[in-house]
Amino acid sequence: MFVTKAFLLAVFAAFQVQAAPAFPAEDLVVIGTEDSPFGTLTFYGLAPGANITAAKARSAFAERACGTNNVQCFGSNVPNSQACSNLISSLNSNSGTVLGNSPRSICQTTNGNQCCVSWADVASGLTEGELVSAANAVQSGCVNNGQSGLSRNTDLNGVCTTQCLSSRATGCSD
């Protein structure tokens, strides 16, 4: 029994190791802005000519875990809670808007404070509404407690990835 539990714990721990980003952060550029009722939304995406990495193949275990939105909090790059609430409201308002391969992050600026939702892997055909569930989970689990955070095993239009909510547009990795 102990050996089985130890093995399972080791397997779960292996999936929590952060890997290198799927793209260099310097490849992200501002690809657009728009006004929202809450302030400015800034869309960051891959620079022209950037190499787009295809989604990774998933193991059977990862396939079952996808969509669980496992939240982890951090003390760095803490976003403004109100800006995050406004960002989530903006995503909800534009829930049917298709994002495509790029952007890779969307930032809401409210009264000079920024909150960004970003994701680690390309998710073709992604809509803004698909970002809401994990963003809400990180908002309630981390941001409302004065931390930034991420959601692992997040299903974004069939791609199992990591989604982040922080004060920066870059740095979200699996």
C-alpha atoms as a PDB file:
ATOM      1  CA  MET A   1       0.000   0.000   0.000  1.00  0.00           C
ATOM      2  CA  PHE A   2       2.774   2.448   0.958  1.00  0.00           C
ATOM      3  CA  VAL A   3       4.750   1.611  -2.204  1.00  0.00           C
ATOM      4  CA  THR A   4       1.674   2.231  -4.361  1.00  0.00           C
ATOM      5  CA  LYS A   5       1.026   5.603  -2.729  1.00  0.00           C
ATOM      6  CA  ALA A   6       4.694   6.574  -3.022  1.00  0.00           C
ATOM      7  CA  PHE A   7       4.675   5.637  -6.706  1.00  0.00           C
ATOM      8  CA  LEU A   8       1.522   7.652  -7.373  1.00  0.00           C
ATOM      9  CA  LEU A   9       2.962  10.638  -5.501  1.00  0.00           C
ATOM     10  CA  ALA A  10       6.134  10.446  -7.615  1.00  0.00           C
ATOM     11  CA  VAL A  11       4.066  10.327 -10.820  1.00  0.00           C
ATOM     12  CA  PHE A  12       2.008  13.357  -9.770  1.00  0.00           C
ATOM     13  CA  ALA A  13       5.155  15.268  -8.765  1.00  0.00           C
ATOM     14  CA  ALA A  14       6.731  14.584 -12.148  1.00  0.00           C
ATOM     15  CA  PHE A  15       3.853  16.383 -13.861  1.00  0.00           C
ATOM     16  CA  GLN A  16       4.373  19.465 -11.678  1.00  0.00           C
ATOM     17  CA  VAL A  17       7.904  20.189 -12.969  1.00  0.00           C
ATOM     18  CA  GLN A  18       7.993  23.368 -15.026  1.00  0.00           C
ATOM     19  CA  ALA A  19       9.529  23.072 -18.468  1.00  0.00           C
ATOM     20  CA  ALA A  20      11.052  25.759 -20.645  1.00  0.00           C
ATOM     21  CA  PRO A  21       8.576  28.036 -22.425  1.00  0.00           C
ATOM     22  CA  ALA A  22       7.363  26.828 -25.810  1.00  0.00           C
ATOM     23  CA  PHE A  23       8.588  30.111 -27.298  1.00  0.00           C
ATOM     24  CA  PRO A  24      11.120  32.760 -26.288  1.00  0.00           C
ATOM     25  CA  ALA A  25       9.412  35.582 -24.380  1.00  0.00           C
ATOM     26  CA  GLU A  26      11.106  38.140 -26.613  1.00  0.00           C
ATOM     27  CA  ASP A  27       9.063  36.798 -29.548  1.00  0.00           C
ATOM     28  CA  LEU A  28       5.907  38.296 -28.025  1.00  0.00           C
ATOM     29  CA  VAL A  29       4.925  41.683 -29.377  1.00  0.00           C
ATOM     30  CA  VAL A  30       1.861  43.903 -29.050  1.00  0.00           C
ATOM     31  CA  ILE A  31      -0.448  42.837 -31.863  1.00  0.00           C
ATOM     32  CA  GLY A  32      -3.406  45.019 -30.963  1.00  0.00           C
ATOM     33  CA  THR A  33      -5.283  47.050 -28.403  1.00  0.00           C
ATOM     34  CA  GLU A  34      -8.928  47.804 -27.821  1.00  0.00           C
ATOM     35  CA  ASP A  35     -10.907  49.855 -25.387  1.00  0.00           C
ATOM     36  CA  SER A  36     -13.195  48.044 -22.994  1.00  0.00           C
ATOM     37  CA  PRO A  37     -15.641  49.475 -20.468  1.00  0.00           C
ATOM     38  CA  PHE A  38     -12.945  48.769 -17.855  1.00  0.00           C
ATOM     39  CA  GLY A  39      -9.879  50.258 -19.580  1.00  0.00           C
ATOM     40  CA  THR A  40      -7.487  49.158 -22.306  1.00  0.00           C
ATOM     41  CA  LEU A  41      -7.078  45.549 -23.432  1.00  0.00           C
ATOM     42  CA  THR A  42      -3.675  44.776 -24.949  1.00  0.00           C
ATOM     43  CA  PHE A  43      -3.153  41.642 -27.040  1.00  0.00           C
ATOM     44  CA  TYR A  44       0.355  40.142 -27.146  1.00  0.00           C
ATOM     45  CA  GLY A  45       1.247  37.574 -29.759  1.00  0.00           C
ATOM     46  CA  LEU A  46       4.062  35.973 -31.648  1.00  0.00           C
ATOM     47  CA  ALA A  47       6.231  38.262 -33.740  1.00  0.00           C
ATOM     48  CA  PRO A  48       6.048  37.797 -37.505  1.00  0.00           C
ATOM     49  CA  GLY A  49       8.268  34.874 -38.477  1.00  0.00           C
ATOM     50  CA  ALA A  50       8.284  33.364 -34.966  1.00  0.00           C
ATOM     51  CA  ASN A  51       8.355  29.585 -34.851  1.00  0.00           C
ATOM     52  CA  ILE A  52       4.983  28.237 -33.725  1.00  0.00           C
ATOM     53  CA  THR A  53       5.422  25.035 -31.728  1.00  0.00           C
ATOM     54  CA  ALA A  54       2.689  22.467 -32.214  1.00  0.00           C
ATOM     55  CA  ALA A  55       0.812  21.172 -29.201  1.00  0.00           C
ATOM     56  CA  LYS A  56       2.488  18.302 -27.368  1.00  0.00           C
ATOM     57  CA  ALA A  57       1.196  14.750 -27.459  1.00  0.00           C
ATOM     58  CA  ARG A  58      -0.495  13.792 -24.185  1.00  0.00           C
ATOM     59  CA  SER A  59      -0.126  10.619 -22.185  1.00  0.00           C
ATOM     60  CA  ALA A  60      -3.261   8.738 -21.148  1.00  0.00           C
ATOM     61  CA  PHE A  61      -2.807  10.095 -17.608  1.00  0.00           C
ATOM     62  CA  ALA A  62      -2.498  13.669 -18.856  1.00  0.00           C
ATOM     63  CA  GLU A  63      -5.552  13.131 -21.061  1.00  0.00           C
ATOM     64  CA  ARG A  64      -7.629  12.184 -18.006  1.00  0.00           C
ATOM     65  CA  ALA A  65      -6.260  15.102 -15.951  1.00  0.00           C
ATOM     66  CA  CYS A  66      -6.893  17.721 -18.632  1.00  0.00           C
ATOM     67  CA  GLY A  67      -9.602  20.147 -17.626  1.00  0.00           C
ATOM     68  CA  THR A  68      -8.981  19.800 -13.874  1.00  0.00           C
ATOM     69  CA  ASN A  69      -7.499  23.342 -13.640  1.00  0.00           C
ATOM     70  CA  ASN A  70      -5.017  22.544 -10.842  1.00  0.00           C
ATOM     71  CA  VAL A  71      -4.222  25.957  -9.319  1.00  0.00           C
ATOM     72  CA  GLN A  72      -0.802  26.924  -7.946  1.00  0.00           C
ATOM     73  CA  CYS A  73      -0.055  30.364  -6.421  1.00  0.00           C
ATOM     74  CA  PHE A  74       3.116  32.479  -6.353  1.00  0.00           C
ATOM     75  CA  GLY A  75       4.297  35.643  -4.606  1.00  0.00           C
ATOM     76  CA  SER A  76       5.872  37.248  -7.690  1.00  0.00           C
ATOM     77  CA  ASN A  77       4.282  39.222 -10.548  1.00  0.00           C
ATOM     78  CA  VAL A  78       1.153  39.783  -8.463  1.00  0.00           C
ATOM     79  CA  PRO A  79      -1.618  41.425 -10.498  1.00  0.00           C
ATOM     80  CA  ASN A  80      -4.186  43.940  -9.336  1.00  0.00           C
ATOM     81  CA  SER A  81      -7.346  42.116  -8.239  1.00  0.00           C
ATOM     82  CA  GLN A  82      -9.738  44.694  -9.728  1.00  0.00           C
ATOM     83  CA  ALA A  83      -7.875  44.667 -13.055  1.00  0.00           C
ATOM     84  CA  CYS A  84      -8.203  40.842 -13.085  1.00  0.00           C
ATOM     85  CA  SER A  85     -11.926  41.035 -12.346  1.00  0.00           C
ATOM     86  CA  ASN A  86     -12.275  43.514 -15.204  1.00  0.00           C
ATOM     87  CA  LEU A  87     -10.219  41.284 -17.518  1.00  0.00           C
ATOM     88  CA  ILE A  88     -12.424  38.283 -16.757  1.00  0.00           C
ATOM     89  CA  SER A  89     -15.523  40.426 -17.387  1.00  0.00           C
ATOM     90  CA  SER A  90     -14.048  41.522 -20.734  1.00  0.00           C
ATOM     91  CA  LEU A  91     -13.326  37.892 -21.680  1.00  0.00           C
ATOM     92  CA  ASN A  92     -16.911  36.976 -20.763  1.00  0.00           C
ATOM     93  CA  SER A  93     -18.278  39.871 -22.829  1.00  0.00           C
ATOM     94  CA  ASN A  94     -16.287  38.690 -25.857  1.00  0.00           C
ATOM     95  CA  SER A  95     -16.686  34.971 -25.173  1.00  0.00           C
ATOM     96  CA  GLY A  96     -17.280  34.040 -28.810  1.00  0.00           C
ATOM     97  CA  THR A  97     -14.312  35.966 -30.211  1.00  0.00           C
ATOM     98  CA  VAL A  98     -11.844  33.543 -31.832  1.00  0.00           C
ATOM     99  CA  LEU A  99      -8.189  34.259 -31.050  1.00  0.00           C
ATOM    100  CA  GLY A 100      -6.415  31.823 -33.395  1.00  0.00           C
ATOM    101  CA  ASN A 101      -2.730  30.905 -32.933  1.00  0.00           C
ATOM    102  CA  SER A 102      -1.833  34.369 -31.719  1.00  0.00           C
ATOM    103  CA  PRO A 103      -2.311  36.203 -29.319  1.00  0.00           C
ATOM    104  CA  ARG A 104      -0.728  34.299 -26.436  1.00  0.00           C
ATOM    105  CA  SER A 105      -1.724  36.754 -23.717  1.00  0.00           C
ATOM    106  CA  ILE A 106      -4.326  39.430 -23.085  1.00  0.00           C
ATOM    107  CA  CYS A 107      -3.755  42.198 -20.544  1.00  0.00           C
ATOM    108  CA  GLN A 108      -6.310  44.523 -18.961  1.00  0.00           C
ATOM    109  CA  THR A 109      -5.088  47.893 -17.710  1.00  0.00           C
ATOM    110  CA  THR A 110      -7.376  49.583 -15.198  1.00  0.00           C
ATOM    111  CA  ASN A 111      -6.303  52.843 -13.538  1.00  0.00           C
ATOM    112  CA  GLY A 112      -2.663  52.075 -14.371  1.00  0.00           C
ATOM    113  CA  ASN A 113      -2.855  48.542 -12.918  1.00  0.00           C
ATOM    114  CA  GLN A 114      -2.375  45.518 -15.154  1.00  0.00           C
ATOM    115  CA  CYS A 115      -3.632  41.944 -15.104  1.00  0.00           C
ATOM    116  CA  CYS A 116      -2.708  39.468 -17.830  1.00  0.00           C
ATOM    117  CA  VAL A 117      -4.051  36.078 -18.783  1.00  0.00           C
ATOM    118  CA  SER A 118      -1.507  34.052 -20.749  1.00  0.00           C
ATOM    119  CA  TRP A 119      -1.148  30.450 -21.854  1.00  0.00           C
ATOM    120  CA  ALA A 120       1.826  28.226 -22.539  1.00  0.00           C
ATOM    121  CA  ASP A 121       0.891  26.502 -25.797  1.00  0.00           C
ATOM    122  CA  VAL A 122      -0.674  27.394 -29.124  1.00  0.00           C
ATOM    123  CA  ALA A 123      -4.374  26.530 -29.064  1.00  0.00           C
ATOM    124  CA  SER A 124      -5.755  27.018 -32.576  1.00  0.00           C
ATOM    125  CA  GLY A 125      -9.335  28.249 -32.684  1.00  0.00           C
ATOM    126  CA  LEU A 126      -9.299  29.319 -29.023  1.00  0.00           C
ATOM    127  CA  THR A 127     -12.065  31.733 -28.003  1.00  0.00           C
ATOM    128  CA  GLU A 128     -11.859  34.366 -25.280  1.00  0.00           C
ATOM    129  CA  GLY A 129     -14.613  32.569 -23.378  1.00  0.00           C
ATOM    130  CA  GLU A 130     -12.470  29.428 -23.022  1.00  0.00           C
ATOM    131  CA  LEU A 131     -10.011  31.440 -20.888  1.00  0.00           C
ATOM    132  CA  VAL A 132     -12.634  32.320 -18.262  1.00  0.00           C
ATOM    133  CA  SER A 133     -12.876  29.092 -16.223  1.00  0.00           C
ATOM    134  CA  ALA A 134      -9.179  28.825 -15.316  1.00  0.00           C
ATOM    135  CA  ALA A 135      -8.898  32.617 -14.907  1.00  0.00           C
ATOM    136  CA  ASN A 136     -11.745  32.507 -12.370  1.00  0.00           C
ATOM    137  CA  ALA A 137     -10.083  29.596 -10.536  1.00  0.00           C
ATOM    138  CA  VAL A 138      -6.761  31.462 -10.259  1.00  0.00           C
ATOM    139  CA  GLN A 139      -8.522  34.725  -9.359  1.00  0.00           C
ATOM    140  CA  SER A 140     -10.380  33.148  -6.444  1.00  0.00           C
ATOM    141  CA  GLY A 141      -7.540  30.855  -5.340  1.00  0.00           C
ATOM    142  CA  CYS A 142      -4.589  33.229  -5.688  1.00  0.00           C
ATOM    143  CA  VAL A 143      -5.189  36.816  -6.821  1.00  0.00           C
ATOM    144  CA  ASN A 144      -7.860  37.540  -4.208  1.00  0.00           C
ATOM    145  CA  ASN A 145      -5.255  36.415  -1.639  1.00  0.00           C
ATOM    146  CA  GLY A 146      -2.522  38.754  -2.916  1.00  0.00           C
ATOM    147  CA  GLN A 147      -0.713  36.293  -5.207  1.00  0.00           C
ATOM    148  CA  SER A 148      -0.312  35.513  -8.888  1.00  0.00           C
ATOM    149  CA  GLY A 149      -1.033  32.025 -10.095  1.00  0.00           C
ATOM    150  CA  LEU A 150      -1.454  29.434 -12.764  1.00  0.00           C
ATOM    151  CA  SER A 151      -3.797  26.644 -13.663  1.00  0.00           C
ATOM    152  CA  ARG A 152      -2.253  23.399 -14.893  1.00  0.00           C
ATOM    153  CA  ASN A 153      -4.152  20.810 -16.930  1.00  0.00           C
ATOM    154  CA  THR A 154      -6.273  23.519 -18.508  1.00  0.00           C
ATOM    155  CA  ASP A 155      -8.192  22.495 -21.626  1.00  0.00           C
ATOM    156  CA  LEU A 156      -8.035  25.303 -24.181  1.00  0.00           C
ATOM    157  CA  ASN A 157      -9.928  24.173 -27.268  1.00  0.00           C
ATOM    158  CA  GLY A 158      -8.592  20.623 -26.969  1.00  0.00           C
ATOM    159  CA  VAL A 159      -5.027  21.577 -25.999  1.00  0.00           C
ATOM    160  CA  CYS A 160      -4.005  20.608 -22.470  1.00  0.00           C
ATOM    161  CA  THR A 161      -1.801  23.460 -21.264  1.00  0.00           C
ATOM    162  CA  THR A 162      -0.974  25.850 -18.441  1.00  0.00           C
ATOM    163  CA  GLN A 163      -2.827  29.154 -18.126  1.00  0.00           C
ATOM    164  CA  CYS A 164      -1.478  32.006 -15.981  1.00  0.00           C
ATOM    165  CA  LEU A 165      -2.940  35.112 -14.340  1.00  0.00           C
ATOM    166  CA  SER A 166      -0.305  37.676 -13.366  1.00  0.00           C
ATOM    167  CA  SER A 167       0.920  41.221 -13.880  1.00  0.00           C
ATOM    168  CA  ARG A 168       2.969  40.316 -16.969  1.00  0.00           C
ATOM    169  CA  ALA A 169       2.228  39.139 -20.483  1.00  0.00           C
ATOM    170  CA  THR A 170       5.135  36.689 -20.688  1.00  0.00           C
ATOM    171  CA  GLY A 171       6.538  33.822 -18.653  1.00  0.00           C
ATOM    172  CA  CYS A 172       3.688  31.312 -18.683  1.00  0.00           C
ATOM    173  CA  SER A 173       5.117  27.828 -19.256  1.00  0.00           C
ATOM    174  CA  ASP A 174       4.133  24.205 -18.671  1.00  0.00           C
END
